[in-house]
Amino acid sequence: MGVHTRYINGLGKSVTVAPETLVRVCAALGAPIARPEDAADALRAHRETAGAGLVPPVLVAWDGFLAPLAISADGPAQLQVHLEDGPVVSLLRAGAQFRVPLA
């Protein structure tokens, strides 16, 4: 589901996320999970719907760069960028690509 199970903290120490925390994060993301034992079924359900061409509801652009995103050219799609200082910019679609409109 894109949830990290380990990370390096500010002191450079490797930290493993507790199973209960992962359950709560995945449930908050909409997974059908209430306890660690539900993880296999929840992951299976996620993988079945992951091929539907949907993109994550939130993507973060670090230092102004957004990683490439594969979007099916079929069907409608609308993307908006919510800038950290408040404005919202709607992106223009050209096939399977989106671009920022020229001012």
PDB file of N, CA and C in Angstrom:
ATOM      1  N   MET A   1       0.822  -1.204   0.000  1.00  0.00           N
ATOM      2  CA  MET A   1       0.000   0.000   0.000  1.00  0.00           C
ATOM      3  C   MET A   1       0.855   1.252   0.000  1.00  0.00           C
ATOM      4  N   GLY A   2       2.151   1.093  -0.083  1.00  0.00           N
ATOM      5  CA  GLY A   2       3.035   2.242  -0.084  1.00  0.00           C
ATOM      6  C   GLY A   2       3.390   2.753   1.301  1.00  0.00           C
ATOM      7  N   VAL A   3       3.044   1.999   2.325  1.00  0.00           N
ATOM      8  CA  VAL A   3       3.341   2.396   3.702  1.00  0.00           C
ATOM      9  C   VAL A   3       4.690   1.792   4.086  1.00  0.00           C
ATOM     10  N   HIS A   4       5.593   2.634   4.536  1.00  0.00           N
ATOM     11  CA  HIS A   4       6.919   2.148   4.918  1.00  0.00           C
ATOM     12  C   HIS A   4       6.851   1.404   6.256  1.00  0.00           C
ATOM     13  N   THR A   5       7.520   0.282   6.320  1.00  0.00           N
ATOM     14  CA  THR A   5       7.540  -0.520   7.536  1.00  0.00           C
ATOM     15  C   THR A   5       8.786  -0.249   8.369  1.00  0.00           C
ATOM     16  N   ARG A   6       9.760   0.426   7.770  1.00  0.00           N
ATOM     17  CA  ARG A   6      10.993   0.804   8.459  1.00  0.00           C
ATOM     18  C   ARG A   6      11.423   2.174   7.981  1.00  0.00           C
ATOM     19  N   TYR A   7      12.174   2.872   8.817  1.00  0.00           N
ATOM     20  CA  TYR A   7      12.734   4.163   8.433  1.00  0.00           C
ATOM     21  C   TYR A   7      13.962   4.451   9.284  1.00  0.00           C
ATOM     22  N   ILE A   8      14.730   5.437   8.870  1.00  0.00           N
ATOM     23  CA  ILE A   8      15.899   5.883   9.627  1.00  0.00           C
ATOM     24  C   ILE A   8      15.495   7.171  10.332  1.00  0.00           C
ATOM     25  N   ASN A   9      15.615   7.193  11.652  1.00  0.00           N
ATOM     26  CA  ASN A   9      15.199   8.379  12.404  1.00  0.00           C
ATOM     27  C   ASN A   9      16.263   9.477  12.325  1.00  0.00           C
ATOM     28  N   GLY A  10      15.998  10.585  12.948  1.00  0.00           N
ATOM     29  CA  GLY A  10      16.889  11.735  12.912  1.00  0.00           C
ATOM     30  C   GLY A  10      18.255  11.488  13.517  1.00  0.00           C
ATOM     31  N   LEU A  11      18.386  10.452  14.304  1.00  0.00           N
ATOM     32  CA  LEU A  11      19.672  10.107  14.912  1.00  0.00           C
ATOM     33  C   LEU A  11      20.415   9.039  14.107  1.00  0.00           C
ATOM     34  N   GLY A  12      19.852   8.680  12.940  1.00  0.00           N
ATOM     35  CA  GLY A  12      20.490   7.683  12.087  1.00  0.00           C
ATOM     36  C   GLY A  12      20.208   6.249  12.480  1.00  0.00           C
ATOM     37  N   LYS A  13      19.271   6.045  13.395  1.00  0.00           N
ATOM     38  CA  LYS A  13      18.938   4.712  13.871  1.00  0.00           C
ATOM     39  C   LYS A  13      17.790   4.126  13.043  1.00  0.00           C
ATOM     40  N   SER A  14      17.920   2.856  12.665  1.00  0.00           N
ATOM     41  CA  SER A  14      16.854   2.171  11.940  1.00  0.00           C
ATOM     42  C   SER A  14      15.713   1.853  12.905  1.00  0.00           C
ATOM     43  N   VAL A  15      14.502   2.185  12.494  1.00  0.00           N
ATOM     44  CA  VAL A  15      13.312   1.966  13.323  1.00  0.00           C
ATOM     45  C   VAL A  15      12.335   1.090  12.537  1.00  0.00           C
ATOM     46  N   THR A  16      11.843   0.038  13.158  1.00  0.00           N
ATOM     47  CA  THR A  16      10.802  -0.802  12.572  1.00  0.00           C
ATOM     48  C   THR A  16       9.465  -0.369  13.154  1.00  0.00           C
ATOM     49  N   VAL A  17       8.506  -0.111  12.277  1.00  0.00           N
ATOM     50  CA  VAL A  17       7.192   0.357  12.697  1.00  0.00           C
ATOM     51  C   VAL A  17       6.417  -0.794  13.336  1.00  0.00           C
ATOM     52  N   ALA A  18       5.762  -0.516  14.451  1.00  0.00           N
ATOM     53  CA  ALA A  18       4.993  -1.531  15.171  1.00  0.00           C
ATOM     54  C   ALA A  18       3.808  -2.012  14.322  1.00  0.00           C
ATOM     55  N   PRO A  19       3.489  -3.309  14.386  1.00  0.00           N
ATOM     56  CA  PRO A  19       2.361  -3.841  13.618  1.00  0.00           C
ATOM     57  C   PRO A  19       1.052  -3.090  13.873  1.00  0.00           C
ATOM     58  N   GLU A  20       0.803  -2.704  15.113  1.00  0.00           N
ATOM     59  CA  GLU A  20      -0.435  -1.981  15.438  1.00  0.00           C
ATOM     60  C   GLU A  20      -0.481  -0.634  14.716  1.00  0.00           C
ATOM     61  N   THR A  21       0.666   0.023  14.601  1.00  0.00           N
ATOM     62  CA  THR A  21       0.730   1.301  13.883  1.00  0.00           C
ATOM     63  C   THR A  21       0.446   1.097  12.410  1.00  0.00           C
ATOM     64  N   LEU A  22       1.025   0.050  11.822  1.00  0.00           N
ATOM     65  CA  LEU A  22       0.779  -0.238  10.408  1.00  0.00           C
ATOM     66  C   LEU A  22      -0.693  -0.533  10.151  1.00  0.00           C
ATOM     67  N   VAL A  23      -1.325  -1.279  11.059  1.00  0.00           N
ATOM     68  CA  VAL A  23      -2.750  -1.577  10.921  1.00  0.00           C
ATOM     69  C   VAL A  23      -3.553  -0.279  10.903  1.00  0.00           C
ATOM     70  N   ARG A  24      -3.266   0.625  11.823  1.00  0.00           N
ATOM     71  CA  ARG A  24      -4.028   1.878  11.897  1.00  0.00           C
ATOM     72  C   ARG A  24      -3.794   2.766  10.683  1.00  0.00           C
ATOM     73  N   VAL A  25      -2.552   2.826  10.202  1.00  0.00           N
ATOM     74  CA  VAL A  25      -2.260   3.640   9.019  1.00  0.00           C
ATOM     75  C   VAL A  25      -2.970   3.064   7.804  1.00  0.00           C
ATOM     76  N   CYS A  26      -2.877   1.758   7.607  1.00  0.00           N
ATOM     77  CA  CYS A  26      -3.537   1.128   6.463  1.00  0.00           C
ATOM     78  C   CYS A  26      -5.056   1.270   6.536  1.00  0.00           C
ATOM     79  N   ALA A  27      -5.618   1.152   7.721  1.00  0.00           N
ATOM     80  CA  ALA A  27      -7.066   1.348   7.889  1.00  0.00           C
ATOM     81  C   ALA A  27      -7.445   2.789   7.546  1.00  0.00           C
ATOM     82  N   ALA A  28      -6.606   3.742   7.963  1.00  0.00           N
ATOM     83  CA  ALA A  28      -6.886   5.150   7.648  1.00  0.00           C
ATOM     84  C   ALA A  28      -6.818   5.402   6.144  1.00  0.00           C
ATOM     85  N   LEU A  29      -6.044   4.601   5.430  1.00  0.00           N
ATOM     86  CA  LEU A  29      -5.957   4.718   3.972  1.00  0.00           C
ATOM     87  C   LEU A  29      -7.077   3.961   3.262  1.00  0.00           C
ATOM     88  N   GLY A  30      -7.960   3.338   4.032  1.00  0.00           N
ATOM     89  CA  GLY A  30      -9.119   2.673   3.446  1.00  0.00           C
ATOM     90  C   GLY A  30      -9.013   1.165   3.333  1.00  0.00           C
ATOM     91  N   ALA A  31      -7.946   0.581   3.850  1.00  0.00           N
ATOM     92  CA  ALA A  31      -7.808  -0.878   3.778  1.00  0.00           C
ATOM     93  C   ALA A  31      -8.777  -1.552   4.734  1.00  0.00           C
ATOM     94  N   PRO A  32      -9.314  -2.712   4.327  1.00  0.00           N
ATOM     95  CA  PRO A  32     -10.215  -3.461   5.214  1.00  0.00           C
ATOM     96  C   PRO A  32      -9.400  -4.250   6.245  1.00  0.00           C
ATOM     97  N   ILE A  33      -8.892  -3.563   7.242  1.00  0.00           N
ATOM     98  CA  ILE A  33      -8.011  -4.189   8.216  1.00  0.00           C
ATOM     99  C   ILE A  33      -8.299  -3.640   9.607  1.00  0.00           C
ATOM    100  N   ALA A  34      -8.348  -4.540  10.597  1.00  0.00           N
ATOM    101  CA  ALA A  34      -8.590  -4.129  11.981  1.00  0.00           C
ATOM    102  C   ALA A  34      -7.538  -4.701  12.933  1.00  0.00           C
ATOM    103  N   ARG A  35      -6.795  -5.713  12.456  1.00  0.00           N
ATOM    104  CA  ARG A  35      -5.776  -6.339  13.302  1.00  0.00           C
ATOM    105  C   ARG A  35      -4.698  -6.907  12.380  1.00  0.00           C
ATOM    106  N   PRO A  36      -3.502  -7.157  12.906  1.00  0.00           N
ATOM    107  CA  PRO A  36      -2.420  -7.659  12.052  1.00  0.00           C
ATOM    108  C   PRO A  36      -2.781  -8.919  11.265  1.00  0.00           C
ATOM    109  N   GLU A  37      -3.618  -9.765  11.827  1.00  0.00           N
ATOM    110  CA  GLU A  37      -4.002 -11.003  11.146  1.00  0.00           C
ATOM    111  C   GLU A  37      -4.782 -10.752   9.855  1.00  0.00           C
ATOM    112  N   ASP A  38      -5.338  -9.554   9.700  1.00  0.00           N
ATOM    113  CA  ASP A  38      -6.104  -9.202   8.501  1.00  0.00           C
ATOM    114  C   ASP A  38      -5.202  -8.722   7.365  1.00  0.00           C
ATOM    115  N   ALA A  39      -3.898  -8.594   7.613  1.00  0.00           N
ATOM    116  CA  ALA A  39      -2.984  -7.966   6.656  1.00  0.00           C
ATOM    117  C   ALA A  39      -2.960  -8.667   5.299  1.00  0.00           C
ATOM    118  N   ALA A  40      -2.885  -9.987   5.283  1.00  0.00           N
ATOM    119  CA  ALA A  40      -2.797 -10.711   4.013  1.00  0.00           C
ATOM    120  C   ALA A  40      -4.033 -10.461   3.151  1.00  0.00           C
ATOM    121  N   ASP A  41      -5.214 -10.530   3.740  1.00  0.00           N
ATOM    122  CA  ASP A  41      -6.448 -10.285   2.981  1.00  0.00           C
ATOM    123  C   ASP A  41      -6.531  -8.835   2.519  1.00  0.00           C
ATOM    124  N   ALA A  42      -6.113  -7.903   3.371  1.00  0.00           N
ATOM    125  CA  ALA A  42      -6.151  -6.481   3.010  1.00  0.00           C
ATOM    126  C   ALA A  42      -5.190  -6.197   1.869  1.00  0.00           C
ATOM    127  N   LEU A  43      -4.001  -6.788   1.898  1.00  0.00           N
ATOM    128  CA  LEU A  43      -3.036  -6.591   0.828  1.00  0.00           C
ATOM    129  C   LEU A  43      -3.536  -7.202  -0.471  1.00  0.00           C
ATOM    130  N   ARG A  44      -4.146  -8.354  -0.391  1.00  0.00           N
ATOM    131  CA  ARG A  44      -4.721  -8.993  -1.579  1.00  0.00           C
ATOM    132  C   ARG A  44      -5.801  -8.101  -2.193  1.00  0.00           C
ATOM    133  N   ALA A  45      -6.671  -7.556  -1.366  1.00  0.00           N
ATOM    134  CA  ALA A  45      -7.727  -6.667  -1.862  1.00  0.00           C
ATOM    135  C   ALA A  45      -7.122  -5.415  -2.489  1.00  0.00           C
ATOM    136  N   HIS A  46      -6.074  -4.880  -1.878  1.00  0.00           N
ATOM    137  CA  HIS A  46      -5.418  -3.690  -2.428  1.00  0.00           C
ATOM    138  C   HIS A  46      -4.808  -3.986  -3.792  1.00  0.00           C
ATOM    139  N   ARG A  47      -4.139  -5.114  -3.917  1.00  0.00           N
ATOM    140  CA  ARG A  47      -3.510  -5.470  -5.192  1.00  0.00           C
ATOM    141  C   ARG A  47      -4.537  -5.698  -6.290  1.00  0.00           C
ATOM    142  N   GLU A  48      -5.706  -6.214  -5.939  1.00  0.00           N
ATOM    143  CA  GLU A  48      -6.761  -6.432  -6.933  1.00  0.00           C
ATOM    144  C   GLU A  48      -7.283  -5.122  -7.493  1.00  0.00           C
ATOM    145  N   THR A  49      -7.334  -4.083  -6.669  1.00  0.00           N
ATOM    146  CA  THR A  49      -7.840  -2.792  -7.137  1.00  0.00           C
ATOM    147  C   THR A  49      -6.735  -1.866  -7.624  1.00  0.00           C
ATOM    148  N   ALA A  50      -5.474  -2.201  -7.338  1.00  0.00           N
ATOM    149  CA  ALA A  50      -4.360  -1.327  -7.722  1.00  0.00           C
ATOM    150  C   ALA A  50      -4.221  -1.217  -9.231  1.00  0.00           C
ATOM    151  N   GLY A  51      -4.629  -2.233  -9.972  1.00  0.00           N
ATOM    152  CA  GLY A  51      -4.523  -2.186 -11.423  1.00  0.00           C
ATOM    153  C   GLY A  51      -5.645  -1.416 -12.084  1.00  0.00           C
ATOM    154  N   ALA A  52      -6.494  -0.770 -11.335  1.00  0.00           N
ATOM    155  CA  ALA A  52      -7.643  -0.053 -11.898  1.00  0.00           C
ATOM    156  C   ALA A  52      -7.267   1.281 -12.503  1.00  0.00           C
ATOM    157  N   GLY A  53      -5.973   1.630 -12.514  1.00  0.00           N
ATOM    158  CA  GLY A  53      -5.554   2.882 -13.123  1.00  0.00           C
ATOM    159  C   GLY A  53      -5.703   4.082 -12.211  1.00  0.00           C
ATOM    160  N   LEU A  54      -5.969   3.852 -10.945  1.00  0.00           N
ATOM    161  CA  LEU A  54      -6.130   4.958 -10.010  1.00  0.00           C
ATOM    162  C   LEU A  54      -4.769   5.429  -9.521  1.00  0.00           C
ATOM    163  N   VAL A  55      -4.683   6.683  -9.208  1.00  0.00           N
ATOM    164  CA  VAL A  55      -3.449   7.228  -8.646  1.00  0.00           C
ATOM    165  C   VAL A  55      -3.690   7.540  -7.179  1.00  0.00           C
ATOM    166  N   PRO A  56      -2.633   7.629  -6.390  1.00  0.00           N
ATOM    167  CA  PRO A  56      -2.807   7.976  -4.985  1.00  0.00           C
ATOM    168  C   PRO A  56      -3.477   9.343  -4.847  1.00  0.00           C
ATOM    169  N   PRO A  57      -4.284   9.543  -3.811  1.00  0.00           N
ATOM    170  CA  PRO A  57      -4.958  10.830  -3.649  1.00  0.00           C
ATOM    171  C   PRO A  57      -4.007  11.969  -3.326  1.00  0.00           C
ATOM    172  N   VAL A  58      -2.828  11.641  -2.822  1.00  0.00           N
ATOM    173  CA  VAL A  58      -1.851  12.676  -2.477  1.00  0.00           C
ATOM    174  C   VAL A  58      -0.473  12.246  -2.964  1.00  0.00           C
ATOM    175  N   LEU A  59       0.183  13.141  -3.681  1.00  0.00           N
ATOM    176  CA  LEU A  59       1.562  12.930  -4.110  1.00  0.00           C
ATOM    177  C   LEU A  59       2.353  14.143  -3.648  1.00  0.00           C
ATOM    178  N   VAL A  60       3.582  13.920  -3.252  1.00  0.00           N
ATOM    179  CA  VAL A  60       4.410  15.016  -2.756  1.00  0.00           C
ATOM    180  C   VAL A  60       5.545  15.265  -3.730  1.00  0.00           C
ATOM    181  N   ALA A  61       5.747  16.527  -4.092  1.00  0.00           N
ATOM    182  CA  ALA A  61       6.857  16.922  -4.955  1.00  0.00           C
ATOM    183  C   ALA A  61       7.942  17.517  -4.076  1.00  0.00           C
ATOM    184  N   TRP A  62       9.082  16.819  -3.998  1.00  0.00           N
ATOM    185  CA  TRP A  62      10.188  17.300  -3.180  1.00  0.00           C
ATOM    186  C   TRP A  62      11.064  18.220  -4.009  1.00  0.00           C
ATOM    187  N   ASP A  63      11.386  19.366  -3.448  1.00  0.00           N
ATOM    188  CA  ASP A  63      12.228  20.354  -4.118  1.00  0.00           C
ATOM    189  C   ASP A  63      11.663  20.735  -5.484  1.00  0.00           C
ATOM    190  N   GLY A  64      10.352  20.703  -5.599  1.00  0.00           N
ATOM    191  CA  GLY A  64       9.691  21.120  -6.833  1.00  0.00           C
ATOM    192  C   GLY A  64       9.600  20.061  -7.903  1.00  0.00           C
ATOM    193  N   PHE A  65      10.034  18.832  -7.632  1.00  0.00           N
ATOM    194  CA  PHE A  65      10.007  17.772  -8.633  1.00  0.00           C
ATOM    195  C   PHE A  65       9.080  16.652  -8.196  1.00  0.00           C
ATOM    196  N   LEU A  66       8.166  16.279  -9.088  1.00  0.00           N
ATOM    197  CA  LEU A  66       7.243  15.176  -8.853  1.00  0.00           C
ATOM    198  C   LEU A  66       7.723  13.979  -9.663  1.00  0.00           C
ATOM    199  N   ALA A  67       7.810  12.836  -9.040  1.00  0.00           N
ATOM    200  CA  ALA A  67       8.231  11.624  -9.755  1.00  0.00           C
ATOM    201  C   ALA A  67       7.251  11.343 -10.885  1.00  0.00           C
ATOM    202  N   PRO A  68       7.720  10.751 -11.982  1.00  0.00           N
ATOM    203  CA  PRO A  68       6.813  10.414 -13.097  1.00  0.00           C
ATOM    204  C   PRO A  68       5.656   9.557 -12.604  1.00  0.00           C
ATOM    205  N   LEU A  69       4.495   9.775 -13.196  1.00  0.00           N
ATOM    206  CA  LEU A  69       3.273   9.100 -12.778  1.00  0.00           C
ATOM    207  C   LEU A  69       2.590   8.530 -14.002  1.00  0.00           C
ATOM    208  N   ALA A  70       2.366   7.231 -14.019  1.00  0.00           N
ATOM    209  CA  ALA A  70       1.691   6.583 -15.146  1.00  0.00           C
ATOM    210  C   ALA A  70       0.193   6.737 -14.976  1.00  0.00           C
ATOM    211  N   ILE A  71      -0.448   7.309 -16.000  1.00  0.00           N
ATOM    212  CA  ILE A  71      -1.896   7.511 -15.982  1.00  0.00           C
ATOM    213  C   ILE A  71      -2.455   6.976 -17.292  1.00  0.00           C
ATOM    214  N   SER A  72      -3.488   6.175 -17.202  1.00  0.00           N
ATOM    215  CA  SER A  72      -4.118   5.649 -18.403  1.00  0.00           C
ATOM    216  C   SER A  72      -4.653   6.804 -19.243  1.00  0.00           C
ATOM    217  N   ALA A  73      -4.467   6.715 -20.551  1.00  0.00           N
ATOM    218  CA  ALA A  73      -4.951   7.766 -21.453  1.00  0.00           C
ATOM    219  C   ALA A  73      -6.459   7.670 -21.662  1.00  0.00           C
ATOM    220  N   ASP A  74      -7.070   6.577 -21.213  1.00  0.00           N
ATOM    221  CA  ASP A  74      -8.503   6.388 -21.383  1.00  0.00           C
ATOM    222  C   ASP A  74      -9.273   7.004 -20.228  1.00  0.00           C
ATOM    223  N   GLY A  75     -10.412   7.577 -20.520  1.00  0.00           N
ATOM    224  CA  GLY A  75     -11.287   8.096 -19.475  1.00  0.00           C
ATOM    225  C   GLY A  75     -10.883   9.463 -18.962  1.00  0.00           C
ATOM    226  N   PRO A  76     -11.777  10.088 -18.222  1.00  0.00           N
ATOM    227  CA  PRO A  76     -11.514  11.434 -17.711  1.00  0.00           C
ATOM    228  C   PRO A  76     -10.547  11.420 -16.538  1.00  0.00           C
ATOM    229  N   ALA A  77      -9.830  12.496 -16.394  1.00  0.00           N
ATOM    230  CA  ALA A  77      -8.926  12.664 -15.250  1.00  0.00           C
ATOM    231  C   ALA A  77      -8.739  14.156 -15.020  1.00  0.00           C
ATOM    232  N   GLN A  78      -8.635  14.517 -13.781  1.00  0.00           N
ATOM    233  CA  GLN A  78      -8.393  15.914 -13.417  1.00  0.00           C
ATOM    234  C   GLN A  78      -7.354  15.928 -12.311  1.00  0.00           C
ATOM    235  N   LEU A  79      -6.328  16.752 -12.482  1.00  0.00           N
ATOM    236  CA  LEU A  79      -5.295  16.868 -11.464  1.00  0.00           C
ATOM    237  C   LEU A  79      -5.183  18.312 -11.017  1.00  0.00           C
ATOM    238  N   GLN A  80      -4.978  18.479  -9.733  1.00  0.00           N
ATOM    239  CA  GLN A  80      -4.759  19.801  -9.164  1.00  0.00           C
ATOM    240  C   GLN A  80      -3.526  19.745  -8.280  1.00  0.00           C
ATOM    241  N   VAL A  81      -2.790  20.833  -8.279  1.00  0.00           N
ATOM    242  CA  VAL A  81      -1.640  20.966  -7.402  1.00  0.00           C
ATOM    243  C   VAL A  81      -2.006  21.994  -6.337  1.00  0.00           C
ATOM    244  N   HIS A  82      -1.933  21.566  -5.080  1.00  0.00           N
ATOM    245  CA  HIS A  82      -2.176  22.466  -3.956  1.00  0.00           C
ATOM    246  C   HIS A  82      -0.810  22.929  -3.466  1.00  0.00           C
ATOM    247  N   LEU A  83      -0.486  24.176  -3.727  1.00  0.00           N
ATOM    248  CA  LEU A  83       0.812  24.704  -3.344  1.00  0.00           C
ATOM    249  C   LEU A  83       0.868  24.956  -1.847  1.00  0.00           C
ATOM    250  N   GLU A  84       2.062  24.823  -1.276  1.00  0.00           N
ATOM    251  CA  GLU A  84       2.194  24.935   0.170  1.00  0.00           C
ATOM    252  C   GLU A  84       1.827  26.308   0.696  1.00  0.00           C
ATOM    253  N   ASP A  85       1.865  27.339  -0.160  1.00  0.00           N
ATOM    254  CA  ASP A  85       1.509  28.678   0.316  1.00  0.00           C
ATOM    255  C   ASP A  85       0.049  29.028   0.038  1.00  0.00           C
ATOM    256  N   GLY A  86      -0.759  28.036  -0.411  1.00  0.00           N
ATOM    257  CA  GLY A  86      -2.194  28.247  -0.499  1.00  0.00           C
ATOM    258  C   GLY A  86      -2.852  28.083  -1.852  1.00  0.00           C
ATOM    259  N   PRO A  87      -2.282  28.623  -2.952  1.00  0.00           N
ATOM    260  CA  PRO A  87      -2.976  28.538  -4.238  1.00  0.00           C
ATOM    261  C   PRO A  87      -3.153  27.105  -4.743  1.00  0.00           C
ATOM    262  N   VAL A  88      -4.187  26.914  -5.563  1.00  0.00           N
ATOM    263  CA  VAL A  88      -4.453  25.627  -6.199  1.00  0.00           C
ATOM    264  C   VAL A  88      -4.345  25.837  -7.709  1.00  0.00           C
ATOM    265  N   VAL A  89      -3.560  24.986  -8.384  1.00  0.00           N
ATOM    266  CA  VAL A  89      -3.361  25.089  -9.825  1.00  0.00           C
ATOM    267  C   VAL A  89      -3.912  23.827 -10.472  1.00  0.00           C
ATOM    268  N   SER A  90      -4.844  23.984 -11.413  1.00  0.00           N
ATOM    269  CA  SER A  90      -5.351  22.836 -12.172  1.00  0.00           C
ATOM    270  C   SER A  90      -4.389  22.554 -13.313  1.00  0.00           C
ATOM    271  N   LEU A  91      -4.068  21.288 -13.524  1.00  0.00           N
ATOM    272  CA  LEU A  91      -3.151  20.911 -14.598  1.00  0.00           C
ATOM    273  C   LEU A  91      -3.937  20.609 -15.863  1.00  0.00           C
ATOM    274  N   LEU A  92      -3.316  20.863 -17.001  1.00  0.00           N
ATOM    275  CA  LEU A  92      -3.946  20.594 -18.290  1.00  0.00           C
ATOM    276  C   LEU A  92      -3.503  19.218 -18.776  1.00  0.00           C
ATOM    277  N   ARG A  93      -4.443  18.476 -19.364  1.00  0.00           N
ATOM    278  CA  ARG A  93      -4.134  17.122 -19.841  1.00  0.00           C
ATOM    279  C   ARG A  93      -3.837  17.142 -21.324  1.00  0.00           C
ATOM    280  N   ALA A  94      -2.781  16.415 -21.682  1.00  0.00           N
ATOM    281  CA  ALA A  94      -2.430  16.191 -23.092  1.00  0.00           C
ATOM    282  C   ALA A  94      -2.114  14.714 -23.224  1.00  0.00           C
ATOM    283  N   GLY A  95      -3.108  13.902 -23.594  1.00  0.00           N
ATOM    284  CA  GLY A  95      -2.932  12.448 -23.673  1.00  0.00           C
ATOM    285  C   GLY A  95      -2.781  11.869 -22.290  1.00  0.00           C
ATOM    286  N   ALA A  96      -1.649  11.211 -22.038  1.00  0.00           N
ATOM    287  CA  ALA A  96      -1.392  10.618 -20.731  1.00  0.00           C
ATOM    288  C   ALA A  96      -0.504  11.504 -19.877  1.00  0.00           C
ATOM    289  N   GLN A  97      -0.273  12.739 -20.332  1.00  0.00           N
ATOM    290  CA  GLN A  97       0.575  13.656 -19.569  1.00  0.00           C
ATOM    291  C   GLN A  97      -0.213  14.863 -19.114  1.00  0.00           C
ATOM    292  N   PHE A  98       0.234  15.452 -18.017  1.00  0.00           N
ATOM    293  CA  PHE A  98      -0.372  16.668 -17.503  1.00  0.00           C
ATOM    294  C   PHE A  98       0.705  17.747 -17.437  1.00  0.00           C
ATOM    295  N   ARG A  99       0.305  18.993 -17.658  1.00  0.00           N
ATOM    296  CA  ARG A  99       1.266  20.088 -17.564  1.00  0.00           C
ATOM    297  C   ARG A  99       0.624  21.278 -16.874  1.00  0.00           C
ATOM    298  N   VAL A 100       1.483  22.121 -16.358  1.00  0.00           N
ATOM    299  CA  VAL A 100       1.029  23.346 -15.708  1.00  0.00           C
ATOM    300  C   VAL A 100       0.653  24.342 -16.800  1.00  0.00           C
ATOM    301  N   PRO A 101      -0.515  24.991 -16.726  1.00  0.00           N
ATOM    302  CA  PRO A 101      -0.881  25.973 -17.744  1.00  0.00           C
ATOM    303  C   PRO A 101       0.055  27.177 -17.685  1.00  0.00           C
ATOM    304  N   LEU A 102       0.328  27.733 -18.851  1.00  0.00           N
ATOM    305  CA  LEU A 102       1.168  28.930 -18.904  1.00  0.00           C
ATOM    306  C   LEU A 102       0.385  30.125 -18.389  1.00  0.00           C
ATOM    307  N   ALA A 103       1.065  30.970 -17.655  1.00  0.00           N
ATOM    308  CA  ALA A 103       0.397  32.148 -17.070  1.00  0.00           C
ATOM    309  C   ALA A 103       0.171  33.201 -18.119  1.00  0.00           C
TER     310      ALA A 103
END
